[in-house]
Amino acid sequence: MTALLRIENLTRRYHADAPAALDNVSISLQAGEILGIVGESGSGKSTLARLITALDKPTSGTVFFENRQITAISDRQLRRMRRHFQMVFQDPYGSLDPRHNVGRIIGEPLHLEENAPRGKARRERIAALLEEVGMKPSDIDRYPHQFSGGQRQRIAIARALITRPKLLVADEPTSALDVTVQAQILKLLLTMRADHGVSILLITHNIAVVDEICDRVAVMRGGQIVEEGIVRDVLDNPHEAYTRRLVDAEPTLAELDRHRP
């Protein structure tokens, strides 16, 4: 089976005399799969996310999307491909322009489509997606500051899904939320995978989040992948001491919820 996303020997150096932020990373993601990338701060997770979504360029190595090398295509070709891979960022408020209403925010990626809907059809598509992510169609005319953190993250997910992408890269999408809202957002991601067949690359420092929704996991340390495999295999029987420390240090979402004040 051809992987939806394939990364080969990806390296990113920001300074020649400093350690690589990403060091010779290779990994793949199948269609419909949720792959968790887990590690402590500074392990290279967000650098990897930015390279995959072509928000940054690697020092060396290659990213293939649907067997097409996106690290060596023109800006015009890349723009045409962007509708197929979208990103959800960590901060659900900072990633939304406070000057724009929800309808404009969610509809913004539609410029990537050649025959994007306009007028009434555009508004109806945005309103329908709002309902899908658990919001009200009437929220289309409201502004980010009028919503809670969890609601803003739902808006961010709706924006990422508006072009019907094949890949969603979620960079710490729940870390700014309390545990109850975290669980709601993770359930929403699972629903989007089930309803739309979208593949998800989930960047997180939280083992509990990986355990909750991921099929496979890759553990990062110092810009490298030190362990990867099926989630249950890795979490139940980690081969690396670093992975074991991550597992032992992290309570489950259920445990966090039980101790929530």
C-alpha atoms as a PDB file:
ATOM      1  CA  MET A   1       0.000   0.000   0.000  1.00  0.00           C
ATOM      2  CA  THR A   2       1.323   3.436  -0.963  1.00  0.00           C
ATOM      3  CA  ALA A   3       1.587   5.767   2.033  1.00  0.00           C
ATOM      4  CA  LEU A   4      -0.362   9.020   1.975  1.00  0.00           C
ATOM      5  CA  LEU A   5       2.632  10.771   3.577  1.00  0.00           C
ATOM      6  CA  ARG A   6       6.234   9.597   3.420  1.00  0.00           C
ATOM      7  CA  ILE A   7       9.192  11.355   4.999  1.00  0.00           C
ATOM      8  CA  GLU A   8      12.724  10.315   4.100  1.00  0.00           C
ATOM      9  CA  ASN A   9      15.905  11.378   5.918  1.00  0.00           C
ATOM     10  CA  LEU A  10      14.491  14.767   6.867  1.00  0.00           C
ATOM     11  CA  THR A  11      16.955  17.152   8.525  1.00  0.00           C
ATOM     12  CA  ARG A  12      16.577  20.795   9.552  1.00  0.00           C
ATOM     13  CA  ARG A  13      19.477  22.896  10.819  1.00  0.00           C
ATOM     14  CA  TYR A  14      18.878  26.521  11.771  1.00  0.00           C
ATOM     15  CA  HIS A  15      22.557  27.221  12.505  1.00  0.00           C
ATOM     16  CA  ALA A  16      25.572  25.388  11.130  1.00  0.00           C
ATOM     17  CA  ASP A  17      27.286  25.187  14.527  1.00  0.00           C
ATOM     18  CA  ALA A  18      24.191  24.081  16.483  1.00  0.00           C
ATOM     19  CA  PRO A  19      22.599  20.631  16.845  1.00  0.00           C
ATOM     20  CA  ALA A  20      19.991  19.848  14.180  1.00  0.00           C
ATOM     21  CA  ALA A  21      16.403  20.658  15.191  1.00  0.00           C
ATOM     22  CA  LEU A  22      15.472  17.610  13.130  1.00  0.00           C
ATOM     23  CA  ASP A  23      18.026  14.909  12.405  1.00  0.00           C
ATOM     24  CA  ASN A  24      17.578  12.346   9.614  1.00  0.00           C
ATOM     25  CA  VAL A  25      13.914  11.526  10.353  1.00  0.00           C
ATOM     26  CA  SER A  26      12.038   8.961   8.250  1.00  0.00           C
ATOM     27  CA  ILE A  27       8.426   7.929   8.831  1.00  0.00           C
ATOM     28  CA  SER A  28       5.195   7.280   6.926  1.00  0.00           C
ATOM     29  CA  LEU A  29       1.443   7.722   7.419  1.00  0.00           C
ATOM     30  CA  GLN A  30      -1.221   5.581   5.763  1.00  0.00           C
ATOM     31  CA  ALA A  31      -4.578   6.847   4.525  1.00  0.00           C
ATOM     32  CA  GLY A  32      -7.130   6.975   7.352  1.00  0.00           C
ATOM     33  CA  GLU A  33      -4.501   6.524  10.054  1.00  0.00           C
ATOM     34  CA  ILE A  34      -3.877   8.614  13.152  1.00  0.00           C
ATOM     35  CA  LEU A  35      -0.155   8.800  13.922  1.00  0.00           C
ATOM     36  CA  GLY A  36       0.996  10.384  17.153  1.00  0.00           C
ATOM     37  CA  ILE A  37       4.345  12.169  17.359  1.00  0.00           C
ATOM     38  CA  VAL A  38       5.238  12.463  21.031  1.00  0.00           C
ATOM     39  CA  GLY A  39       8.181  13.923  22.923  1.00  0.00           C
ATOM     40  CA  GLU A  40       9.244  16.603  25.346  1.00  0.00           C
ATOM     41  CA  SER A  41       9.601  20.282  24.424  1.00  0.00           C
ATOM     42  CA  GLY A  42      12.518  20.797  22.060  1.00  0.00           C
ATOM     43  CA  SER A  43      12.415  17.258  20.694  1.00  0.00           C
ATOM     44  CA  GLY A  44      11.694  18.444  17.144  1.00  0.00           C
ATOM     45  CA  LYS A  45       7.954  17.733  16.936  1.00  0.00           C
ATOM     46  CA  SER A  46       6.812  21.179  15.783  1.00  0.00           C
ATOM     47  CA  THR A  47       9.739  21.481  13.364  1.00  0.00           C
ATOM     48  CA  LEU A  48       8.572  18.236  11.789  1.00  0.00           C
ATOM     49  CA  ALA A  49       5.001  19.554  11.530  1.00  0.00           C
ATOM     50  CA  ARG A  50       6.154  22.741   9.801  1.00  0.00           C
ATOM     51  CA  LEU A  51       8.253  20.821   7.285  1.00  0.00           C
ATOM     52  CA  ILE A  52       5.420  18.414   6.487  1.00  0.00           C
ATOM     53  CA  THR A  53       3.029  21.291   5.793  1.00  0.00           C
ATOM     54  CA  ALA A  54       5.687  23.203   3.809  1.00  0.00           C
ATOM     55  CA  LEU A  55       5.681  26.136   6.224  1.00  0.00           C
ATOM     56  CA  ASP A  56       9.450  25.659   6.397  1.00  0.00           C
ATOM     57  CA  LYS A  57      12.032  24.009   4.143  1.00  0.00           C
ATOM     58  CA  PRO A  58      14.349  21.186   5.177  1.00  0.00           C
ATOM     59  CA  THR A  59      18.114  21.421   5.106  1.00  0.00           C
ATOM     60  CA  SER A  60      18.055  17.979   3.486  1.00  0.00           C
ATOM     61  CA  GLY A  61      15.683  15.082   3.001  1.00  0.00           C
ATOM     62  CA  THR A  62      12.328  14.728   1.312  1.00  0.00           C
ATOM     63  CA  VAL A  63       8.606  14.898   2.061  1.00  0.00           C
ATOM     64  CA  PHE A  64       6.315  12.940  -0.260  1.00  0.00           C
ATOM     65  CA  PHE A  65       2.554  13.530  -0.260  1.00  0.00           C
ATOM     66  CA  GLU A  66       0.616  10.983  -2.324  1.00  0.00           C
ATOM     67  CA  ASN A  67       3.952   9.953  -3.773  1.00  0.00           C
ATOM     68  CA  ARG A  68       4.671  13.505  -4.951  1.00  0.00           C
ATOM     69  CA  GLN A  69       7.744  15.302  -3.647  1.00  0.00           C
ATOM     70  CA  ILE A  70       6.469  18.523  -2.069  1.00  0.00           C
ATOM     71  CA  THR A  71       9.928  19.677  -0.959  1.00  0.00           C
ATOM     72  CA  ALA A  72      10.953  20.302  -4.573  1.00  0.00           C
ATOM     73  CA  ILE A  73       7.932  21.797  -6.331  1.00  0.00           C
ATOM     74  CA  SER A  74       7.220  25.369  -7.374  1.00  0.00           C
ATOM     75  CA  ASP A  75       5.271  27.769  -5.175  1.00  0.00           C
ATOM     76  CA  ARG A  76       2.410  27.629  -7.671  1.00  0.00           C
ATOM     77  CA  GLN A  77       2.274  23.829  -7.575  1.00  0.00           C
ATOM     78  CA  LEU A  78       2.499  23.873  -3.785  1.00  0.00           C
ATOM     79  CA  ARG A  79      -0.385  26.334  -3.547  1.00  0.00           C
ATOM     80  CA  ARG A  80      -2.556  23.974  -5.594  1.00  0.00           C
ATOM     81  CA  MET A  81      -1.693  21.081  -3.299  1.00  0.00           C
ATOM     82  CA  ARG A  82      -2.221  22.902   0.008  1.00  0.00           C
ATOM     83  CA  ARG A  83      -5.962  22.235   0.064  1.00  0.00           C
ATOM     84  CA  HIS A  84      -5.122  18.556   0.580  1.00  0.00           C
ATOM     85  CA  PHE A  85      -3.112  19.081   3.793  1.00  0.00           C
ATOM     86  CA  GLN A  86      -4.116  21.518   6.500  1.00  0.00           C
ATOM     87  CA  MET A  87      -2.884  22.353   9.987  1.00  0.00           C
ATOM     88  CA  VAL A  88      -4.448  23.001  13.396  1.00  0.00           C
ATOM     89  CA  PHE A  89      -2.233  24.995  15.739  1.00  0.00           C
ATOM     90  CA  GLN A  90      -1.760  24.851  19.499  1.00  0.00           C
ATOM     91  CA  ASP A  91      -3.250  28.197  20.496  1.00  0.00           C
ATOM     92  CA  PRO A  92      -6.948  28.286  19.528  1.00  0.00           C
ATOM     93  CA  TYR A  93      -7.079  32.059  20.035  1.00  0.00           C
ATOM     94  CA  GLY A  94      -3.764  33.180  18.579  1.00  0.00           C
ATOM     95  CA  SER A  95      -4.399  31.230  15.375  1.00  0.00           C
ATOM     96  CA  LEU A  96      -7.723  33.013  14.715  1.00  0.00           C
ATOM     97  CA  ASP A  97      -7.738  36.616  13.472  1.00  0.00           C
ATOM     98  CA  PRO A  98      -9.772  38.555  16.089  1.00  0.00           C
ATOM     99  CA  ARG A  99     -10.783  41.140  13.451  1.00  0.00           C
ATOM    100  CA  HIS A 100     -12.670  38.583  11.365  1.00  0.00           C
ATOM    101  CA  ASN A 101     -15.904  36.796  12.070  1.00  0.00           C
ATOM    102  CA  VAL A 102     -16.161  33.015  12.140  1.00  0.00           C
ATOM    103  CA  GLY A 103     -17.524  32.772   8.619  1.00  0.00           C
ATOM    104  CA  ARG A 104     -14.565  34.615   7.153  1.00  0.00           C
ATOM    105  CA  ILE A 105     -12.067  32.678   9.295  1.00  0.00           C
ATOM    106  CA  ILE A 106     -13.399  29.251   8.321  1.00  0.00           C
ATOM    107  CA  GLY A 107     -13.874  30.193   4.672  1.00  0.00           C
ATOM    108  CA  GLU A 108     -10.402  31.659   4.210  1.00  0.00           C
ATOM    109  CA  PRO A 109      -8.726  28.430   2.929  1.00  0.00           C
ATOM    110  CA  LEU A 110     -11.337  28.162   0.178  1.00  0.00           C
ATOM    111  CA  HIS A 111      -9.141  30.405  -1.976  1.00  0.00           C
ATOM    112  CA  LEU A 112      -7.048  27.260  -2.489  1.00  0.00           C
ATOM    113  CA  GLU A 113      -9.890  25.683  -4.485  1.00  0.00           C
ATOM    114  CA  GLU A 114     -10.142  26.444  -8.189  1.00  0.00           C
ATOM    115  CA  ASN A 115     -13.950  26.484  -8.162  1.00  0.00           C
ATOM    116  CA  ALA A 116     -14.606  27.631  -4.621  1.00  0.00           C
ATOM    117  CA  PRO A 117     -18.270  28.288  -3.757  1.00  0.00           C
ATOM    118  CA  ARG A 118     -19.412  31.884  -3.499  1.00  0.00           C
ATOM    119  CA  GLY A 119     -22.259  33.773  -1.938  1.00  0.00           C
ATOM    120  CA  LYS A 120     -25.065  31.637  -0.519  1.00  0.00           C
ATOM    121  CA  ALA A 121     -23.360  28.335  -1.401  1.00  0.00           C
ATOM    122  CA  ARG A 122     -20.200  29.401   0.444  1.00  0.00           C
ATOM    123  CA  ARG A 123     -22.157  30.429   3.540  1.00  0.00           C
ATOM    124  CA  GLU A 124     -24.130  27.185   3.524  1.00  0.00           C
ATOM    125  CA  ARG A 125     -20.942  25.111   3.316  1.00  0.00           C
ATOM    126  CA  ILE A 126     -19.402  26.982   6.251  1.00  0.00           C
ATOM    127  CA  ALA A 127     -22.599  26.707   8.327  1.00  0.00           C
ATOM    128  CA  ALA A 128     -22.829  22.958   7.652  1.00  0.00           C
ATOM    129  CA  LEU A 129     -19.245  22.455   8.796  1.00  0.00           C
ATOM    130  CA  LEU A 130     -19.909  24.477  11.946  1.00  0.00           C
ATOM    131  CA  GLU A 131     -22.663  22.010  12.795  1.00  0.00           C
ATOM    132  CA  GLU A 132     -20.337  19.082  12.112  1.00  0.00           C
ATOM    133  CA  VAL A 133     -17.830  20.333  14.687  1.00  0.00           C
ATOM    134  CA  GLY A 134     -20.537  20.901  17.306  1.00  0.00           C
ATOM    135  CA  MET A 135     -21.190  24.606  16.805  1.00  0.00           C
ATOM    136  CA  LYS A 136     -24.338  26.479  15.751  1.00  0.00           C
ATOM    137  CA  PRO A 137     -24.825  27.748  12.178  1.00  0.00           C
ATOM    138  CA  SER A 138     -25.652  31.140  13.698  1.00  0.00           C
ATOM    139  CA  ASP A 139     -22.091  31.309  15.087  1.00  0.00           C
ATOM    140  CA  ILE A 140     -20.963  32.199  11.575  1.00  0.00           C
ATOM    141  CA  ASP A 141     -21.388  35.940  12.284  1.00  0.00           C
ATOM    142  CA  ARG A 142     -19.720  35.985  15.700  1.00  0.00           C
ATOM    143  CA  TYR A 143     -16.072  36.735  16.581  1.00  0.00           C
ATOM    144  CA  PRO A 144     -13.347  34.627  18.283  1.00  0.00           C
ATOM    145  CA  HIS A 145     -13.423  36.543  21.571  1.00  0.00           C
ATOM    146  CA  GLN A 146     -17.063  35.508  22.045  1.00  0.00           C
ATOM    147  CA  PHE A 147     -16.163  31.831  22.426  1.00  0.00           C
ATOM    148  CA  SER A 148     -14.446  29.585  24.959  1.00  0.00           C
ATOM    149  CA  GLY A 149     -11.069  27.984  24.280  1.00  0.00           C
ATOM    150  CA  GLY A 150     -12.661  24.681  23.316  1.00  0.00           C
ATOM    151  CA  GLN A 151     -15.097  26.382  20.954  1.00  0.00           C
ATOM    152  CA  ARG A 152     -12.271  28.327  19.332  1.00  0.00           C
ATOM    153  CA  GLN A 153     -10.391  25.083  18.721  1.00  0.00           C
ATOM    154  CA  ARG A 154     -13.525  23.659  17.080  1.00  0.00           C
ATOM    155  CA  ILE A 155     -13.552  26.710  14.814  1.00  0.00           C
ATOM    156  CA  ALA A 156      -9.870  26.115  14.001  1.00  0.00           C
ATOM    157  CA  ILE A 157     -10.632  22.487  13.130  1.00  0.00           C
ATOM    158  CA  ALA A 158     -13.539  23.583  10.926  1.00  0.00           C
ATOM    159  CA  ARG A 159     -11.216  25.985   9.110  1.00  0.00           C
ATOM    160  CA  ALA A 160      -8.712  23.179   8.521  1.00  0.00           C
ATOM    161  CA  LEU A 161     -11.436  20.869   7.185  1.00  0.00           C
ATOM    162  CA  ILE A 162     -13.233  23.328   4.885  1.00  0.00           C
ATOM    163  CA  THR A 163     -11.176  22.292   1.828  1.00  0.00           C
ATOM    164  CA  ARG A 164     -11.857  18.588   2.568  1.00  0.00           C
ATOM    165  CA  PRO A 165      -8.160  17.744   3.080  1.00  0.00           C
ATOM    166  CA  LYS A 166      -6.727  14.238   3.063  1.00  0.00           C
ATOM    167  CA  LEU A 167      -4.249  15.062   5.841  1.00  0.00           C
ATOM    168  CA  LEU A 168      -4.733  17.066   9.017  1.00  0.00           C
ATOM    169  CA  VAL A 169      -1.603  18.010  10.968  1.00  0.00           C
ATOM    170  CA  ALA A 170      -2.613  18.900  14.527  1.00  0.00           C
ATOM    171  CA  ASP A 171       0.200  20.536  16.512  1.00  0.00           C
ATOM    172  CA  GLU A 172      -0.602  20.247  20.254  1.00  0.00           C
ATOM    173  CA  PRO A 173      -4.323  20.908  19.593  1.00  0.00           C
ATOM    174  CA  THR A 174      -5.409  20.190  23.172  1.00  0.00           C
ATOM    175  CA  SER A 175      -2.506  21.418  25.320  1.00  0.00           C
ATOM    176  CA  ALA A 176      -4.110  24.821  26.010  1.00  0.00           C
ATOM    177  CA  LEU A 177      -7.409  23.240  27.118  1.00  0.00           C
ATOM    178  CA  ASP A 178      -8.606  21.703  30.380  1.00  0.00           C
ATOM    179  CA  VAL A 179      -8.939  17.923  30.516  1.00  0.00           C
ATOM    180  CA  THR A 180     -12.692  17.792  29.929  1.00  0.00           C
ATOM    181  CA  VAL A 181     -12.447  19.945  26.813  1.00  0.00           C
ATOM    182  CA  GLN A 182      -9.379  17.959  25.692  1.00  0.00           C
ATOM    183  CA  ALA A 183     -11.505  14.816  25.652  1.00  0.00           C
ATOM    184  CA  GLN A 184     -14.189  16.573  23.602  1.00  0.00           C
ATOM    185  CA  ILE A 185     -11.681  17.759  20.991  1.00  0.00           C
ATOM    186  CA  LEU A 186     -10.082  14.313  20.733  1.00  0.00           C
ATOM    187  CA  LYS A 187     -13.520  12.767  20.228  1.00  0.00           C
ATOM    188  CA  LEU A 188     -14.171  15.344  17.505  1.00  0.00           C
ATOM    189  CA  LEU A 189     -10.948  14.372  15.711  1.00  0.00           C
ATOM    190  CA  LEU A 190     -12.001  10.724  15.792  1.00  0.00           C
ATOM    191  CA  THR A 191     -15.394  11.688  14.376  1.00  0.00           C
ATOM    192  CA  MET A 192     -13.774  13.671  11.563  1.00  0.00           C
ATOM    193  CA  ARG A 193     -11.602  10.666  10.713  1.00  0.00           C
ATOM    194  CA  ALA A 194     -14.657   8.388  10.667  1.00  0.00           C
ATOM    195  CA  ASP A 195     -16.883  10.759   8.684  1.00  0.00           C
ATOM    196  CA  HIS A 196     -14.349  12.144   6.204  1.00  0.00           C
ATOM    197  CA  GLY A 197     -11.567   9.545   6.108  1.00  0.00           C
ATOM    198  CA  VAL A 198      -9.016  12.233   6.932  1.00  0.00           C
ATOM    199  CA  SER A 199      -5.593  11.044   8.091  1.00  0.00           C
ATOM    200  CA  ILE A 200      -4.235  12.805  11.167  1.00  0.00           C
ATOM    201  CA  LEU A 201      -0.683  13.500  12.267  1.00  0.00           C
ATOM    202  CA  LEU A 202      -1.046  14.420  15.933  1.00  0.00           C
ATOM    203  CA  ILE A 203       1.857  16.308  17.523  1.00  0.00           C
ATOM    204  CA  THR A 204       1.789  16.180  21.322  1.00  0.00           C
ATOM    205  CA  HIS A 205       3.890  15.984  24.466  1.00  0.00           C
ATOM    206  CA  ASN A 206       1.084  14.068  26.158  1.00  0.00           C
ATOM    207  CA  ILE A 207       1.230  10.260  26.179  1.00  0.00           C
ATOM    208  CA  ALA A 208      -2.384  10.148  27.430  1.00  0.00           C
ATOM    209  CA  VAL A 209      -3.559  11.902  24.259  1.00  0.00           C
ATOM    210  CA  VAL A 210      -1.686   9.381  22.092  1.00  0.00           C
ATOM    211  CA  ASP A 211      -3.164   6.511  24.080  1.00  0.00           C
ATOM    212  CA  GLU A 212      -6.659   7.928  23.605  1.00  0.00           C
ATOM    213  CA  ILE A 213      -6.902   8.177  19.804  1.00  0.00           C
ATOM    214  CA  CYS A 214      -3.757   7.164  17.898  1.00  0.00           C
ATOM    215  CA  ASP A 215      -3.176   3.985  15.895  1.00  0.00           C
ATOM    216  CA  ARG A 216       0.623   4.296  15.849  1.00  0.00           C
ATOM    217  CA  VAL A 217       3.119   6.443  17.718  1.00  0.00           C
ATOM    218  CA  ALA A 218       6.622   7.742  17.060  1.00  0.00           C
ATOM    219  CA  VAL A 219       8.661   8.947  20.039  1.00  0.00           C
ATOM    220  CA  MET A 220      11.019  11.870  19.425  1.00  0.00           C
ATOM    221  CA  ARG A 221      14.074  12.972  21.367  1.00  0.00           C
ATOM    222  CA  GLY A 222      16.774  15.422  20.324  1.00  0.00           C
ATOM    223  CA  GLY A 223      15.415  15.767  16.791  1.00  0.00           C
ATOM    224  CA  GLN A 224      15.348  12.017  16.156  1.00  0.00           C
ATOM    225  CA  ILE A 225      12.738   9.261  16.276  1.00  0.00           C
ATOM    226  CA  VAL A 226      13.958   6.860  18.959  1.00  0.00           C
ATOM    227  CA  GLU A 227      11.020   4.441  18.935  1.00  0.00           C
ATOM    228  CA  GLU A 228       7.896   3.823  16.874  1.00  0.00           C
ATOM    229  CA  GLY A 229       5.165   1.254  16.439  1.00  0.00           C
ATOM    230  CA  ILE A 230       1.558   0.378  17.229  1.00  0.00           C
ATOM    231  CA  VAL A 231       0.424   2.435  20.227  1.00  0.00           C
ATOM    232  CA  ARG A 232      -0.345  -0.470  22.547  1.00  0.00           C
ATOM    233  CA  ASP A 233       2.936  -2.211  21.722  1.00  0.00           C
ATOM    234  CA  VAL A 234       5.017   0.899  22.406  1.00  0.00           C
ATOM    235  CA  LEU A 235       3.185   2.067  25.536  1.00  0.00           C
ATOM    236  CA  ASP A 236       2.850  -1.378  27.116  1.00  0.00           C
ATOM    237  CA  ASN A 237       6.361  -2.536  26.303  1.00  0.00           C
ATOM    238  CA  PRO A 238       8.661   0.395  25.452  1.00  0.00           C
ATOM    239  CA  HIS A 239      12.166  -0.545  24.360  1.00  0.00           C
ATOM    240  CA  GLU A 240      13.715   2.847  25.153  1.00  0.00           C
ATOM    241  CA  ALA A 241      14.235   4.121  28.699  1.00  0.00           C
ATOM    242  CA  TYR A 242      13.202   7.580  27.472  1.00  0.00           C
ATOM    243  CA  THR A 243       9.832   6.232  26.300  1.00  0.00           C
ATOM    244  CA  ARG A 244       9.348   4.448  29.616  1.00  0.00           C
ATOM    245  CA  ARG A 245       9.936   7.721  31.495  1.00  0.00           C
ATOM    246  CA  LEU A 246       7.322   9.470  29.352  1.00  0.00           C
ATOM    247  CA  VAL A 247       4.817   6.685  29.980  1.00  0.00           C
ATOM    248  CA  ASP A 248       5.448   6.516  33.722  1.00  0.00           C
ATOM    249  CA  ALA A 249       5.238  10.293  34.159  1.00  0.00           C
ATOM    250  CA  GLU A 250       1.930  10.796  32.372  1.00  0.00           C
ATOM    251  CA  PRO A 251      -1.460  10.131  34.014  1.00  0.00           C
ATOM    252  CA  THR A 252      -4.319   9.080  31.744  1.00  0.00           C
ATOM    253  CA  LEU A 253      -7.060  11.521  30.766  1.00  0.00           C
ATOM    254  CA  ALA A 254      -9.482   9.544  32.924  1.00  0.00           C
ATOM    255  CA  GLU A 255      -7.202   9.886  35.960  1.00  0.00           C
ATOM    256  CA  LEU A 256      -6.845  13.622  35.354  1.00  0.00           C
ATOM    257  CA  ASP A 257     -10.610  13.986  35.092  1.00  0.00           C
ATOM    258  CA  ARG A 258     -11.183  12.121  38.371  1.00  0.00           C
ATOM    259  CA  HIS A 259      -8.859  14.520  40.214  1.00  0.00           C
ATOM    260  CA  ARG A 260     -10.189  17.642  38.550  1.00  0.00           C
ATOM    261  CA  PRO A 261     -11.458  20.163  41.136  1.00  0.00           C
END
